[in-house]
Every structure is written in C-alpha cells, then in structure tokens.
Amino acid sequence: MMPQRSGMDWLLEGIGAAAVIAAAAEIGMHWSALPVRIPTHFGIGGQANGWGERNSLLVLLASTIVMFVLLTIAEKYQRLVNIPVKVDREAPEVKRLIRSLAIALKAVLSAGFYWITHVTIAIAMSERTAMGRVFLPVFLAAVLAPVIYYSVRLKRL
C-alpha cells in the first residue's frame, strides 16, 4: 500500500499540472499569430541557434505530457525509478520518498518545459531576443536538487 501524499507533494503536483496546462494554453492562444519559423534550439548562452516549423512546439508539448504521464506511472510502479542507493523498496518510508522524488521531478521538468515554450513563443513573436544565460544552469540545478536531496534521504534509511 502506498503512503499518503504530503502537503508538499500536492503542491508540487499542482505546479506540474499547472505548468503543462499553461504551456498548452499559451500555444493555443498564440498559434495563429506565430510565424512559420520559430526557434527550436538554444545555445549554452541562451541565444536561439536553430530554427524550425512551429509544429515543433507541439512536439515539445507532447514530450512534456509524455514525461508527466511516465513520472505519474513511476509513482505507482516504483521499480521504474532507478535510484543510486540500495534500499528496501517495500518499506513505507522508501515508497514515500520515491513518490516524492517523482513528483518533484515532474514539477521541475514541467515548469522548465513551460518556460522553454513561453520563451520560444516570445522570441518567435519578437518580444524577446534570447532564453537568457541563467536558464541552463538554473534548470540543471533544479533537476539535480531533488535527485540529490532524495538520494541522500534514501541513503540515510
């Protein structure tokens, strides 16, 4: 049996779901105004260095949704989650921590993909010139933070 979700789990679930919905809404609201060519890749400094069709936004959204669904499935089928420490996966505290890790990653990745969608649209519509230099290090730190945090917590069990 799965342990109850914490308040933080519910908050992060909400953030993740809101980010996916916001990305879909933003694409829908701007679709007809988007130019045929939009940025599809950004260099390490945040400048657009690859361009493609606006349909690539739909690929990004689909990837975000698939990631969200897969991490939701991983919450229930925790054997899908590879963790760097040996633990008793049947212990309730381990199950709770692995679920929280999946939920935290869902929130971070969904928010990051929303930001990429938002900036891509803004650049395509000439409202912005770049992703920004801080996006990549902040995004990487945000992804690594829950992985490190929950790995340490699991190792202490």
Protein backbone atom coordinates (compact mmCIF):
# COMPACT_ATOMS: atom_id res chain seq x y z
CA MET A 1 0.00 0.00 0.00
CA MET A 2 1.23 3.48 -0.89
CA PRO A 3 1.71 6.03 1.89
CA GLN A 4 -0.33 9.23 1.86
CA ARG A 5 0.93 12.21 -0.12
CA SER A 6 2.27 15.11 1.88
CA GLY A 7 1.09 18.68 1.50
CA MET A 8 4.30 19.43 -0.41
CA ASP A 9 3.56 16.52 -2.77
CA TRP A 10 0.15 18.01 -3.53
CA LEU A 11 1.63 21.47 -4.04
CA LEU A 12 4.26 20.13 -6.45
CA GLU A 13 1.61 18.07 -8.30
CA GLY A 14 -0.39 21.26 -8.74
CA ILE A 15 2.63 23.18 -10.01
CA GLY A 16 3.45 20.43 -12.50
CA ALA A 17 -0.11 20.15 -13.77
CA ALA A 18 -0.49 23.94 -13.96
CA ALA A 19 2.71 24.20 -15.99
CA VAL A 20 1.50 21.62 -18.52
CA ILE A 21 -1.89 23.33 -18.81
CA ALA A 22 -0.24 26.76 -19.10
CA ALA A 23 2.06 25.54 -21.89
CA ALA A 24 -0.90 24.11 -23.82
CA ALA A 25 -2.91 27.30 -23.27
CA GLU A 26 -0.05 29.54 -24.36
CA ILE A 27 0.49 27.52 -27.53
CA GLY A 28 -3.24 27.62 -28.25
CA MET A 29 -3.53 31.35 -27.63
CA HIS A 30 -0.59 32.26 -29.88
CA TRP A 31 -0.78 29.56 -32.53
CA SER A 32 -2.38 31.61 -35.29
CA ALA A 33 -0.05 34.58 -34.68
CA LEU A 34 3.15 32.52 -34.71
CA PRO A 35 5.40 32.84 -37.74
CA VAL A 36 6.12 29.76 -39.84
CA ARG A 37 9.70 29.55 -38.48
CA ILE A 38 10.36 29.61 -34.75
CA PRO A 39 13.43 28.93 -32.61
CA THR A 40 13.87 25.23 -31.92
CA HIS A 41 17.27 25.14 -30.26
CA PHE A 42 19.21 27.40 -27.93
CA GLY A 43 22.95 27.60 -27.37
CA ILE A 44 24.60 27.49 -23.97
CA GLY A 45 24.35 31.31 -23.73
CA GLY A 46 20.59 31.21 -24.31
CA GLN A 47 20.64 32.54 -27.87
CA ALA A 48 18.46 30.80 -30.46
CA ASN A 49 20.74 28.90 -32.83
CA GLY A 50 18.31 26.56 -34.53
CA TRP A 51 15.05 27.31 -36.30
CA GLY A 52 12.22 25.12 -37.50
CA GLU A 53 8.49 24.87 -38.01
CA ARG A 54 6.02 25.99 -35.38
CA ASN A 55 4.83 22.38 -35.14
CA SER A 56 7.94 21.80 -33.03
CA LEU A 57 6.03 23.48 -30.18
CA LEU A 58 3.52 20.64 -30.40
CA VAL A 59 6.38 18.14 -30.17
CA LEU A 60 7.65 19.94 -27.07
CA LEU A 61 4.17 19.92 -25.54
CA ALA A 62 3.69 16.23 -26.38
CA SER A 63 7.09 15.46 -24.83
CA THR A 64 6.08 17.35 -21.69
CA ILE A 65 2.81 15.44 -21.43
CA VAL A 66 4.51 12.08 -22.02
CA MET A 67 7.12 12.90 -19.35
CA PHE A 68 4.37 13.92 -16.93
CA VAL A 69 2.42 10.70 -17.56
CA LEU A 70 5.53 8.48 -17.30
CA LEU A 71 6.56 10.02 -13.99
CA THR A 72 2.99 9.61 -12.74
CA ILE A 73 3.18 5.92 -13.68
CA ALA A 74 6.59 5.71 -11.98
CA GLU A 75 4.98 6.92 -8.74
CA LYS A 76 2.83 3.80 -8.70
CA TYR A 77 5.30 1.36 -10.29
CA GLN A 78 8.38 2.44 -8.40
CA ARG A 79 10.60 -0.28 -9.83
CA LEU A 80 10.74 2.02 -12.89
CA VAL A 81 12.64 4.58 -10.82
CA ASN A 82 16.37 3.95 -10.81
CA ILE A 83 17.93 5.17 -7.59
CA PRO A 84 21.66 5.20 -6.81
CA VAL A 85 21.36 3.55 -3.39
CA LYS A 86 20.33 0.10 -2.22
CA VAL A 87 17.13 0.25 -0.16
CA ASP A 88 14.19 -1.91 0.81
CA ARG A 89 11.72 -0.75 -1.83
CA GLU A 90 8.83 -2.23 0.16
CA ALA A 91 9.43 -0.04 3.20
CA PRO A 92 6.71 2.65 3.51
CA GLU A 93 9.26 5.47 4.02
CA VAL A 94 11.16 4.39 0.89
CA LYS A 95 7.92 4.30 -1.11
CA ARG A 96 7.03 7.77 0.16
CA LEU A 97 10.42 9.21 -0.74
CA ILE A 98 10.47 7.67 -4.23
CA ARG A 99 6.96 9.00 -4.86
CA SER A 100 8.02 12.46 -3.67
CA LEU A 101 11.09 12.33 -5.91
CA ALA A 102 8.94 11.53 -8.96
CA ILE A 103 6.50 14.31 -8.08
CA ALA A 104 9.30 16.85 -7.55
CA LEU A 105 10.90 15.93 -10.88
CA LYS A 106 7.51 16.24 -12.58
CA ALA A 107 7.09 19.76 -11.22
CA VAL A 108 10.62 20.89 -12.13
CA LEU A 109 10.57 19.42 -15.63
CA SER A 110 7.06 20.65 -16.38
CA ALA A 111 7.92 24.16 -15.20
CA GLY A 112 11.15 24.12 -17.21
CA PHE A 113 9.39 22.94 -20.35
CA TYR A 114 6.71 25.59 -19.83
CA TRP A 115 9.45 28.25 -19.64
CA ILE A 116 11.04 26.94 -22.84
CA THR A 117 7.63 27.09 -24.54
CA HIS A 118 6.97 30.62 -23.25
CA VAL A 119 10.37 31.97 -24.33
CA THR A 120 10.21 30.20 -27.70
CA ILE A 121 6.90 31.90 -28.42
CA ALA A 122 8.17 35.27 -27.18
CA ILE A 123 11.27 35.07 -29.40
CA ALA A 124 9.23 33.94 -32.39
CA MET A 125 6.94 36.95 -31.92
CA SER A 126 9.92 39.34 -31.49
CA GLU A 127 9.01 40.09 -27.87
CA ARG A 128 12.30 38.72 -26.59
CA THR A 129 15.73 38.06 -28.06
CA ALA A 130 17.09 35.12 -26.03
CA MET A 131 16.35 32.45 -23.45
CA GLY A 132 18.84 34.05 -21.09
CA ARG A 133 22.19 32.85 -19.81
CA VAL A 134 20.87 31.73 -16.45
CA PHE A 135 18.24 29.32 -17.76
CA LEU A 136 20.51 26.34 -18.35
CA PRO A 137 22.38 26.42 -15.01
CA VAL A 138 19.18 27.13 -13.08
CA PHE A 139 17.30 24.36 -14.89
CA LEU A 140 20.11 21.84 -14.35
CA ALA A 141 20.39 22.78 -10.67
CA ALA A 142 16.61 22.50 -10.28
CA VAL A 143 16.64 19.00 -11.78
CA LEU A 144 19.66 17.84 -9.79
CA ALA A 145 18.47 19.29 -6.45
CA PRO A 146 15.61 16.81 -5.87
CA VAL A 147 17.70 13.91 -7.16
CA ILE A 148 20.49 14.71 -4.70
CA TYR A 149 18.12 15.56 -1.86
CA TYR A 150 16.08 12.37 -2.13
CA SER A 151 19.16 10.21 -2.76
CA VAL A 152 20.69 11.46 0.48
CA ARG A 153 17.41 10.88 2.33
CA LEU A 154 17.16 7.35 0.94
CA LYS A 155 20.78 6.59 1.78
CA ARG A 156 20.15 7.56 5.42
CA LEU A 157 17.38 4.97 5.79
